[in-house]
Amino acid sequence: MYKLQICNALTQEILREKTYKKPDLILSLIESGAKGQECFLFDEDLRTLKGEYVSHSIYMEEADTKVYKVIFKVKLSEIQARISKLA
């Protein structure tokens, strides 16, 4: 398993944490951010944030979970996407 932690560079707060079976989406996010592309993120309250990539680190949480901690400078986006919470 692969876990993504999106963190606020200023506060070090984990804004969103999600687990995936494959790392593809996580690696794509890191690659986009590292190339300087503007990233739109969502926090746990499903608010839309604009993120500027700062750095990332990788560590093992348990024997079977690789954690990607990706740090962004974030601010609330002027445009909020309409997202319904999934059960």
PDB file of N, CA and C in Angstrom:
ATOM      1  N   MET A   1       0.841  -1.175   0.000  1.00  0.00           N
ATOM      2  CA  MET A   1       0.000   0.000   0.000  1.00  0.00           C
ATOM      3  C   MET A   1       0.889   1.243   0.000  1.00  0.00           C
ATOM      4  N   TYR A   2       0.297   2.330  -0.469  1.00  0.00           N
ATOM      5  CA  TYR A   2       0.996   3.607  -0.569  1.00  0.00           C
ATOM      6  C   TYR A   2       0.113   4.690   0.041  1.00  0.00           C
ATOM      7  N   LYS A   3       0.682   5.479   0.920  1.00  0.00           N
ATOM      8  CA  LYS A   3      -0.077   6.531   1.582  1.00  0.00           C
ATOM      9  C   LYS A   3       0.480   7.882   1.171  1.00  0.00           C
ATOM     10  N   LEU A   4      -0.433   8.795   0.816  1.00  0.00           N
ATOM     11  CA  LEU A   4      -0.073  10.161   0.484  1.00  0.00           C
ATOM     12  C   LEU A   4      -0.487  11.071   1.628  1.00  0.00           C
ATOM     13  N   GLN A   5       0.448  11.859   2.112  1.00  0.00           N
ATOM     14  CA  GLN A   5       0.161  12.891   3.105  1.00  0.00           C
ATOM     15  C   GLN A   5       0.491  14.237   2.463  1.00  0.00           C
ATOM     16  N   ILE A   6      -0.530  15.076   2.299  1.00  0.00           N
ATOM     17  CA  ILE A   6      -0.324  16.427   1.789  1.00  0.00           C
ATOM     18  C   ILE A   6      -0.211  17.340   2.992  1.00  0.00           C
ATOM     19  N   CYS A   7       0.925  18.043   3.114  1.00  0.00           N
ATOM     20  CA  CYS A   7       1.210  18.841   4.303  1.00  0.00           C
ATOM     21  C   CYS A   7       1.398  20.317   3.967  1.00  0.00           C
ATOM     22  N   ASN A   8       1.005  21.161   4.904  1.00  0.00           N
ATOM     23  CA  ASN A   8       1.170  22.602   4.817  1.00  0.00           C
ATOM     24  C   ASN A   8       2.607  22.941   5.234  1.00  0.00           C
ATOM     25  N   ALA A   9       3.350  23.613   4.359  1.00  0.00           N
ATOM     26  CA  ALA A   9       4.749  23.948   4.646  1.00  0.00           C
ATOM     27  C   ALA A   9       4.890  24.868   5.849  1.00  0.00           C
ATOM     28  N   LEU A  10       3.942  25.759   6.052  1.00  0.00           N
ATOM     29  CA  LEU A  10       4.024  26.726   7.140  1.00  0.00           C
ATOM     30  C   LEU A  10       3.747  26.087   8.503  1.00  0.00           C
ATOM     31  N   THR A  11       2.703  25.268   8.576  1.00  0.00           N
ATOM     32  CA  THR A  11       2.272  24.710   9.866  1.00  0.00           C
ATOM     33  C   THR A  11       2.677  23.255  10.078  1.00  0.00           C
ATOM     34  N   GLN A  12       3.120  22.575   9.015  1.00  0.00           N
ATOM     35  CA  GLN A  12       3.431  21.146   9.028  1.00  0.00           C
ATOM     36  C   GLN A  12       2.189  20.269   9.271  1.00  0.00           C
ATOM     37  N   GLU A  13       1.011  20.882   9.230  1.00  0.00           N
ATOM     38  CA  GLU A  13      -0.251  20.160   9.407  1.00  0.00           C
ATOM     39  C   GLU A  13      -0.500  19.244   8.202  1.00  0.00           C
ATOM     40  N   ILE A  14      -1.003  18.039   8.468  1.00  0.00           N
ATOM     41  CA  ILE A  14      -1.410  17.142   7.393  1.00  0.00           C
ATOM     42  C   ILE A  14      -2.793  17.593   6.945  1.00  0.00           C
ATOM     43  N   LEU A  15      -2.871  18.090   5.710  1.00  0.00           N
ATOM     44  CA  LEU A  15      -4.128  18.607   5.176  1.00  0.00           C
ATOM     45  C   LEU A  15      -5.021  17.494   4.645  1.00  0.00           C
ATOM     46  N   ARG A  16      -4.392  16.452   4.134  1.00  0.00           N
ATOM     47  CA  ARG A  16      -5.152  15.338   3.571  1.00  0.00           C
ATOM     48  C   ARG A  16      -4.273  14.107   3.583  1.00  0.00           C
ATOM     49  N   GLU A  17      -4.888  12.994   3.876  1.00  0.00           N
ATOM     50  CA  GLU A  17      -4.169  11.722   3.883  1.00  0.00           C
ATOM     51  C   GLU A  17      -5.028  10.701   3.153  1.00  0.00           C
ATOM     52  N   LYS A  18      -4.424  10.009   2.193  1.00  0.00           N
ATOM     53  CA  LYS A  18      -5.180   9.053   1.399  1.00  0.00           C
ATOM     54  C   LYS A  18      -4.285   7.867   1.080  1.00  0.00           C
ATOM     55  N   THR A  19      -4.877   6.679   1.058  1.00  0.00           N
ATOM     56  CA  THR A  19      -4.135   5.456   0.780  1.00  0.00           C
ATOM     57  C   THR A  19      -4.499   4.935  -0.608  1.00  0.00           C
ATOM     58  N   TYR A  20      -3.485   4.469  -1.319  1.00  0.00           N
ATOM     59  CA  TYR A  20      -3.651   3.955  -2.676  1.00  0.00           C
ATOM     60  C   TYR A  20      -3.030   2.565  -2.779  1.00  0.00           C
ATOM     61  N   LYS A  21      -3.484   1.787  -3.756  1.00  0.00           N
ATOM     62  CA  LYS A  21      -2.907   0.472  -4.015  1.00  0.00           C
ATOM     63  C   LYS A  21      -1.642   0.581  -4.856  1.00  0.00           C
ATOM     64  N   LYS A  22      -1.589   1.604  -5.725  1.00  0.00           N
ATOM     65  CA  LYS A  22      -0.434   1.843  -6.597  1.00  0.00           C
ATOM     66  C   LYS A  22       0.064   3.272  -6.369  1.00  0.00           C
ATOM     67  N   PRO A  23       1.358   3.531  -6.600  1.00  0.00           N
ATOM     68  CA  PRO A  23       1.895   4.878  -6.362  1.00  0.00           C
ATOM     69  C   PRO A  23       1.753   5.840  -7.537  1.00  0.00           C
ATOM     70  N   ASP A  24       1.128   5.420  -8.638  1.00  0.00           N
ATOM     71  CA  ASP A  24       1.093   6.216  -9.872  1.00  0.00           C
ATOM     72  C   ASP A  24       0.604   7.646  -9.659  1.00  0.00           C
ATOM     73  N   LEU A  25      -0.542   7.816  -9.005  1.00  0.00           N
ATOM     74  CA  LEU A  25      -1.102   9.152  -8.805  1.00  0.00           C
ATOM     75  C   LEU A  25      -0.214  10.008  -7.904  1.00  0.00           C
ATOM     76  N   ILE A  26       0.369   9.382  -6.905  1.00  0.00           N
ATOM     77  CA  ILE A  26       1.256  10.103  -5.990  1.00  0.00           C
ATOM     78  C   ILE A  26       2.494  10.600  -6.738  1.00  0.00           C
ATOM     79  N   LEU A  27       3.094   9.716  -7.520  1.00  0.00           N
ATOM     80  CA  LEU A  27       4.301  10.084  -8.268  1.00  0.00           C
ATOM     81  C   LEU A  27       3.999  11.158  -9.306  1.00  0.00           C
ATOM     82  N   SER A  28       2.821  11.101  -9.893  1.00  0.00           N
ATOM     83  CA  SER A  28       2.414  12.126 -10.855  1.00  0.00           C
ATOM     84  C   SER A  28       2.275  13.493 -10.183  1.00  0.00           C
ATOM     85  N   LEU A  29       1.694  13.526  -8.983  1.00  0.00           N
ATOM     86  CA  LEU A  29       1.564  14.772  -8.228  1.00  0.00           C
ATOM     87  C   LEU A  29       2.943  15.347  -7.901  1.00  0.00           C
ATOM     88  N   ILE A  30       3.835  14.504  -7.430  1.00  0.00           N
ATOM     89  CA  ILE A  30       5.192  14.956  -7.090  1.00  0.00           C
ATOM     90  C   ILE A  30       5.907  15.486  -8.324  1.00  0.00           C
ATOM     91  N   GLU A  31       5.803  14.769  -9.434  1.00  0.00           N
ATOM     92  CA  GLU A  31       6.462  15.191 -10.671  1.00  0.00           C
ATOM     93  C   GLU A  31       5.916  16.531 -11.161  1.00  0.00           C
ATOM     94  N   SER A  32       4.605  16.692 -11.142  1.00  0.00           N
ATOM     95  CA  SER A  32       3.989  17.953 -11.575  1.00  0.00           C
ATOM     96  C   SER A  32       4.452  19.114 -10.708  1.00  0.00           C
ATOM     97  N   GLY A  33       4.428  18.904  -9.394  1.00  0.00           N
ATOM     98  CA  GLY A  33       4.853  19.955  -8.474  1.00  0.00           C
ATOM     99  C   GLY A  33       6.313  20.311  -8.629  1.00  0.00           C
ATOM    100  N   ALA A  34       7.156  19.302  -8.776  1.00  0.00           N
ATOM    101  CA  ALA A  34       8.600  19.535  -8.921  1.00  0.00           C
ATOM    102  C   ALA A  34       8.918  20.284 -10.211  1.00  0.00           C
ATOM    103  N   LYS A  35       8.073  20.143 -11.227  1.00  0.00           N
ATOM    104  CA  LYS A  35       8.263  20.863 -12.491  1.00  0.00           C
ATOM    105  C   LYS A  35       7.732  22.290 -12.421  1.00  0.00           C
ATOM    106  N   GLY A  36       7.166  22.675 -11.277  1.00  0.00           N
ATOM    107  CA  GLY A  36       6.686  24.037 -11.101  1.00  0.00           C
ATOM    108  C   GLY A  36       5.249  24.252 -11.539  1.00  0.00           C
ATOM    109  N   GLN A  37       4.538  23.184 -11.854  1.00  0.00           N
ATOM    110  CA  GLN A  37       3.140  23.323 -12.251  1.00  0.00           C
ATOM    111  C   GLN A  37       2.288  23.648 -11.033  1.00  0.00           C
ATOM    112  N   GLU A  38       1.281  24.486 -11.239  1.00  0.00           N
ATOM    113  CA  GLU A  38       0.371  24.831 -10.149  1.00  0.00           C
ATOM    114  C   GLU A  38      -0.462  23.596  -9.796  1.00  0.00           C
ATOM    115  N   CYS A  39      -0.551  23.294  -8.527  1.00  0.00           N
ATOM    116  CA  CYS A  39      -1.287  22.119  -8.070  1.00  0.00           C
ATOM    117  C   CYS A  39      -2.542  22.543  -7.324  1.00  0.00           C
ATOM    118  N   PHE A  40      -3.645  21.939  -7.685  1.00  0.00           N
ATOM    119  CA  PHE A  40      -4.887  22.159  -6.953  1.00  0.00           C
ATOM    120  C   PHE A  40      -5.096  20.956  -6.063  1.00  0.00           C
ATOM    121  N   LEU A  41      -5.278  21.219  -4.784  1.00  0.00           N
ATOM    122  CA  LEU A  41      -5.367  20.177  -3.760  1.00  0.00           C
ATOM    123  C   LEU A  41      -6.682  20.309  -3.013  1.00  0.00           C
ATOM    124  N   PHE A  42      -7.013  19.280  -2.263  1.00  0.00           N
ATOM    125  CA  PHE A  42      -8.207  19.302  -1.428  1.00  0.00           C
ATOM    126  C   PHE A  42      -7.808  18.895  -0.025  1.00  0.00           C
ATOM    127  N   ASP A  43      -8.317  19.626   0.977  1.00  0.00           N
ATOM    128  CA  ASP A  43      -8.046  19.231   2.360  1.00  0.00           C
ATOM    129  C   ASP A  43      -9.125  18.261   2.821  1.00  0.00           C
ATOM    130  N   GLU A  44      -9.074  17.859   4.087  1.00  0.00           N
ATOM    131  CA  GLU A  44     -10.030  16.876   4.616  1.00  0.00           C
ATOM    132  C   GLU A  44     -11.467  17.402   4.604  1.00  0.00           C
ATOM    133  N   ASP A  45     -11.638  18.729   4.595  1.00  0.00           N
ATOM    134  CA  ASP A  45     -12.977  19.333   4.530  1.00  0.00           C
ATOM    135  C   ASP A  45     -13.410  19.568   3.083  1.00  0.00           C
ATOM    136  N   LEU A  46     -12.622  19.051   2.126  1.00  0.00           N
ATOM    137  CA  LEU A  46     -12.872  19.155   0.687  1.00  0.00           C
ATOM    138  C   LEU A  46     -12.866  20.593   0.167  1.00  0.00           C
ATOM    139  N   ARG A  47     -12.110  21.463   0.841  1.00  0.00           N
ATOM    140  CA  ARG A  47     -11.895  22.818   0.334  1.00  0.00           C
ATOM    141  C   ARG A  47     -10.800  22.750  -0.728  1.00  0.00           C
ATOM    142  N   THR A  48     -10.928  23.562  -1.771  1.00  0.00           N
ATOM    143  CA  THR A  48      -9.935  23.602  -2.829  1.00  0.00           C
ATOM    144  C   THR A  48      -8.807  24.553  -2.423  1.00  0.00           C
ATOM    145  N   LEU A  49      -7.572  24.060  -2.547  1.00  0.00           N
ATOM    146  CA  LEU A  49      -6.386  24.835  -2.204  1.00  0.00           C
ATOM    147  C   LEU A  49      -5.471  24.927  -3.416  1.00  0.00           C
ATOM    148  N   LYS A  50      -4.746  26.022  -3.523  1.00  0.00           N
ATOM    149  CA  LYS A  50      -3.670  26.126  -4.509  1.00  0.00           C
ATOM    150  C   LYS A  50      -2.385  25.785  -3.773  1.00  0.00           C
ATOM    151  N   GLY A  51      -1.586  24.929  -4.379  1.00  0.00           N
ATOM    152  CA  GLY A  51      -0.354  24.519  -3.724  1.00  0.00           C
ATOM    153  C   GLY A  51       0.870  24.738  -4.572  1.00  0.00           C
ATOM    154  N   GLU A  52       1.909  25.227  -3.918  1.00  0.00           N
ATOM    155  CA  GLU A  52       3.223  25.369  -4.553  1.00  0.00           C
ATOM    156  C   GLU A  52       4.142  24.332  -3.904  1.00  0.00           C
ATOM    157  N   TYR A  53       4.606  23.398  -4.707  1.00  0.00           N
ATOM    158  CA  TYR A  53       5.442  22.302  -4.222  1.00  0.00           C
ATOM    159  C   TYR A  53       6.698  22.823  -3.534  1.00  0.00           C
ATOM    160  N   VAL A  54       7.016  22.252  -2.382  1.00  0.00           N
ATOM    161  CA  VAL A  54       8.239  22.596  -1.655  1.00  0.00           C
ATOM    162  C   VAL A  54       9.193  21.412  -1.661  1.00  0.00           C
ATOM    163  N   SER A  55       8.735  20.256  -1.167  1.00  0.00           N
ATOM    164  CA  SER A  55       9.585  19.071  -1.108  1.00  0.00           C
ATOM    165  C   SER A  55       8.731  17.838  -0.801  1.00  0.00           C
ATOM    166  N   HIS A  56       9.390  16.700  -0.798  1.00  0.00           N
ATOM    167  CA  HIS A  56       8.708  15.479  -0.383  1.00  0.00           C
ATOM    168  C   HIS A  56       9.709  14.538   0.271  1.00  0.00           C
ATOM    169  N   SER A  57       9.185  13.627   1.060  1.00  0.00           N
ATOM    170  CA  SER A  57      10.015  12.590   1.665  1.00  0.00           C
ATOM    171  C   SER A  57       9.245  11.284   1.626  1.00  0.00           C
ATOM    172  N   ILE A  58       9.977  10.188   1.702  1.00  0.00           N
ATOM    173  CA  ILE A  58       9.382   8.857   1.638  1.00  0.00           C
ATOM    174  C   ILE A  58       9.895   8.053   2.818  1.00  0.00           C
ATOM    175  N   TYR A  59       8.978   7.368   3.489  1.00  0.00           N
ATOM    176  CA  TYR A  59       9.392   6.481   4.578  1.00  0.00           C
ATOM    177  C   TYR A  59       8.416   5.331   4.706  1.00  0.00           C
ATOM    178  N   MET A  60       8.827   4.305   5.412  1.00  0.00           N
ATOM    179  CA  MET A  60       7.974   3.138   5.637  1.00  0.00           C
ATOM    180  C   MET A  60       7.257   3.308   6.969  1.00  0.00           C
ATOM    181  N   GLU A  61       5.929   3.238   6.951  1.00  0.00           N
ATOM    182  CA  GLU A  61       5.136   3.360   8.170  1.00  0.00           C
ATOM    183  C   GLU A  61       5.009   2.006   8.852  1.00  0.00           C
ATOM    184  N   GLU A  62       4.712   1.014   8.064  1.00  0.00           N
ATOM    185  CA  GLU A  62       4.619  -0.366   8.524  1.00  0.00           C
ATOM    186  C   GLU A  62       5.335  -1.194   7.471  1.00  0.00           C
ATOM    187  N   ALA A  63       5.390  -2.479   7.683  1.00  0.00           N
ATOM    188  CA  ALA A  63       6.103  -3.339   6.740  1.00  0.00           C
ATOM    189  C   ALA A  63       5.533  -3.276   5.332  1.00  0.00           C
ATOM    190  N   ASP A  64       4.247  -2.967   5.209  1.00  0.00           N
ATOM    191  CA  ASP A  64       3.620  -2.993   3.886  1.00  0.00           C
ATOM    192  C   ASP A  64       3.097  -1.650   3.407  1.00  0.00           C
ATOM    193  N   THR A  65       3.424  -0.540   4.075  1.00  0.00           N
ATOM    194  CA  THR A  65       2.916   0.773   3.670  1.00  0.00           C
ATOM    195  C   THR A  65       4.058   1.766   3.493  1.00  0.00           C
ATOM    196  N   LYS A  66       4.186   2.263   2.261  1.00  0.00           N
ATOM    197  CA  LYS A  66       5.181   3.286   1.947  1.00  0.00           C
ATOM    198  C   LYS A  66       4.463   4.632   1.993  1.00  0.00           C
ATOM    199  N   VAL A  67       4.984   5.569   2.778  1.00  0.00           N
ATOM    200  CA  VAL A  67       4.346   6.867   2.970  1.00  0.00           C
ATOM    201  C   VAL A  67       5.110   7.944   2.208  1.00  0.00           C
ATOM    202  N   TYR A  68       4.360   8.711   1.407  1.00  0.00           N
ATOM    203  CA  TYR A  68       4.903   9.858   0.682  1.00  0.00           C
ATOM    204  C   TYR A  68       4.364  11.105   1.362  1.00  0.00           C
ATOM    205  N   LYS A  69       5.237  11.859   1.997  1.00  0.00           N
ATOM    206  CA  LYS A  69       4.854  13.117   2.645  1.00  0.00           C
ATOM    207  C   LYS A  69       5.261  14.234   1.681  1.00  0.00           C
ATOM    208  N   VAL A  70       4.253  14.924   1.135  1.00  0.00           N
ATOM    209  CA  VAL A  70       4.501  15.962   0.136  1.00  0.00           C
ATOM    210  C   VAL A  70       4.129  17.305   0.757  1.00  0.00           C
ATOM    211  N   ILE A  71       5.084  18.223   0.754  1.00  0.00           N
ATOM    212  CA  ILE A  71       4.910  19.511   1.420  1.00  0.00           C
ATOM    213  C   ILE A  71       4.671  20.603   0.379  1.00  0.00           C
ATOM    214  N   PHE A  72       3.621  21.389   0.618  1.00  0.00           N
ATOM    215  CA  PHE A  72       3.241  22.486  -0.264  1.00  0.00           C
ATOM    216  C   PHE A  72       3.053  23.763   0.534  1.00  0.00           C
ATOM    217  N   LYS A  73       3.386  24.896  -0.088  1.00  0.00           N
ATOM    218  CA  LYS A  73       2.921  26.194   0.406  1.00  0.00           C
ATOM    219  C   LYS A  73       1.503  26.299  -0.130  1.00  0.00           C
ATOM    220  N   VAL A  74       0.533  26.447   0.750  1.00  0.00           N
ATOM    221  CA  VAL A  74      -0.859  26.429   0.297  1.00  0.00           C
ATOM    222  C   VAL A  74      -1.594  27.713   0.649  1.00  0.00           C
ATOM    223  N   LYS A  75      -2.605  27.984  -0.166  1.00  0.00           N
ATOM    224  CA  LYS A  75      -3.550  29.056   0.135  1.00  0.00           C
ATOM    225  C   LYS A  75      -4.903  28.616  -0.404  1.00  0.00           C
ATOM    226  N   LEU A  76      -5.942  29.134   0.184  1.00  0.00           N
ATOM    227  CA  LEU A  76      -7.292  28.816  -0.239  1.00  0.00           C
ATOM    228  C   LEU A  76      -7.498  29.326  -1.659  1.00  0.00           C
ATOM    229  N   SER A  77      -8.021  28.486  -2.528  1.00  0.00           N
ATOM    230  CA  SER A  77      -8.262  28.870  -3.908  1.00  0.00           C
ATOM    231  C   SER A  77      -9.442  29.822  -3.992  1.00  0.00           C
ATOM    232  N   GLU A  78      -9.365  30.761  -4.935  1.00  0.00           N
ATOM    233  CA  GLU A  78     -10.467  31.697  -5.150  1.00  0.00           C
ATOM    234  C   GLU A  78     -11.697  30.973  -5.679  1.00  0.00           C
ATOM    235  N   ILE A  79     -11.471  29.891  -6.404  1.00  0.00           N
ATOM    236  CA  ILE A  79     -12.573  29.098  -6.954  1.00  0.00           C
ATOM    237  C   ILE A  79     -12.632  27.777  -6.181  1.00  0.00           C
ATOM    238  N   GLN A  80     -13.799  27.486  -5.626  1.00  0.00           N
ATOM    239  CA  GLN A  80     -13.997  26.262  -4.868  1.00  0.00           C
ATOM    240  C   GLN A  80     -14.763  25.242  -5.709  1.00  0.00           C
ATOM    241  N   ALA A  81     -14.174  24.073  -5.884  1.00  0.00           N
ATOM    242  CA  ALA A  81     -14.823  23.004  -6.646  1.00  0.00           C
ATOM    243  C   ALA A  81     -15.959  22.407  -5.831  1.00  0.00           C
ATOM    244  N   ARG A  82     -16.999  21.991  -6.517  1.00  0.00           N
ATOM    245  CA  ARG A  82     -18.125  21.340  -5.842  1.00  0.00           C
ATOM    246  C   ARG A  82     -17.839  19.847  -5.802  1.00  0.00           C
ATOM    247  N   ILE A  83     -17.603  19.349  -4.601  1.00  0.00           N
ATOM    248  CA  ILE A  83     -17.288  17.929  -4.431  1.00  0.00           C
ATOM    249  C   ILE A  83     -18.212  17.403  -3.348  1.00  0.00           C
ATOM    250  N   SER A  84     -18.868  16.314  -3.661  1.00  0.00           N
ATOM    251  CA  SER A  84     -19.726  15.704  -2.635  1.00  0.00           C
ATOM    252  C   SER A  84     -18.904  14.684  -1.868  1.00  0.00           C
ATOM    253  N   LYS A  85     -19.169  14.599  -0.584  1.00  0.00           N
ATOM    254  CA  LYS A  85     -18.437  13.639   0.246  1.00  0.00           C
ATOM    255  C   LYS A  85     -18.910  12.236  -0.099  1.00  0.00           C
ATOM    256  N   LEU A  86     -17.954  11.346  -0.218  1.00  0.00           N
ATOM    257  CA  LEU A  86     -18.251   9.951  -0.514  1.00  0.00           C
ATOM    258  C   LEU A  86     -18.364   9.193   0.796  1.00  0.00           C
ATOM    259  N   ALA A  87     -19.283   8.272   0.859  1.00  0.00           N
ATOM    260  CA  ALA A  87     -19.467   7.470   2.079  1.00  0.00           C
ATOM    261  C   ALA A  87     -18.383   6.436   2.217  1.00  0.00           C
TER     262      ALA A  87
END
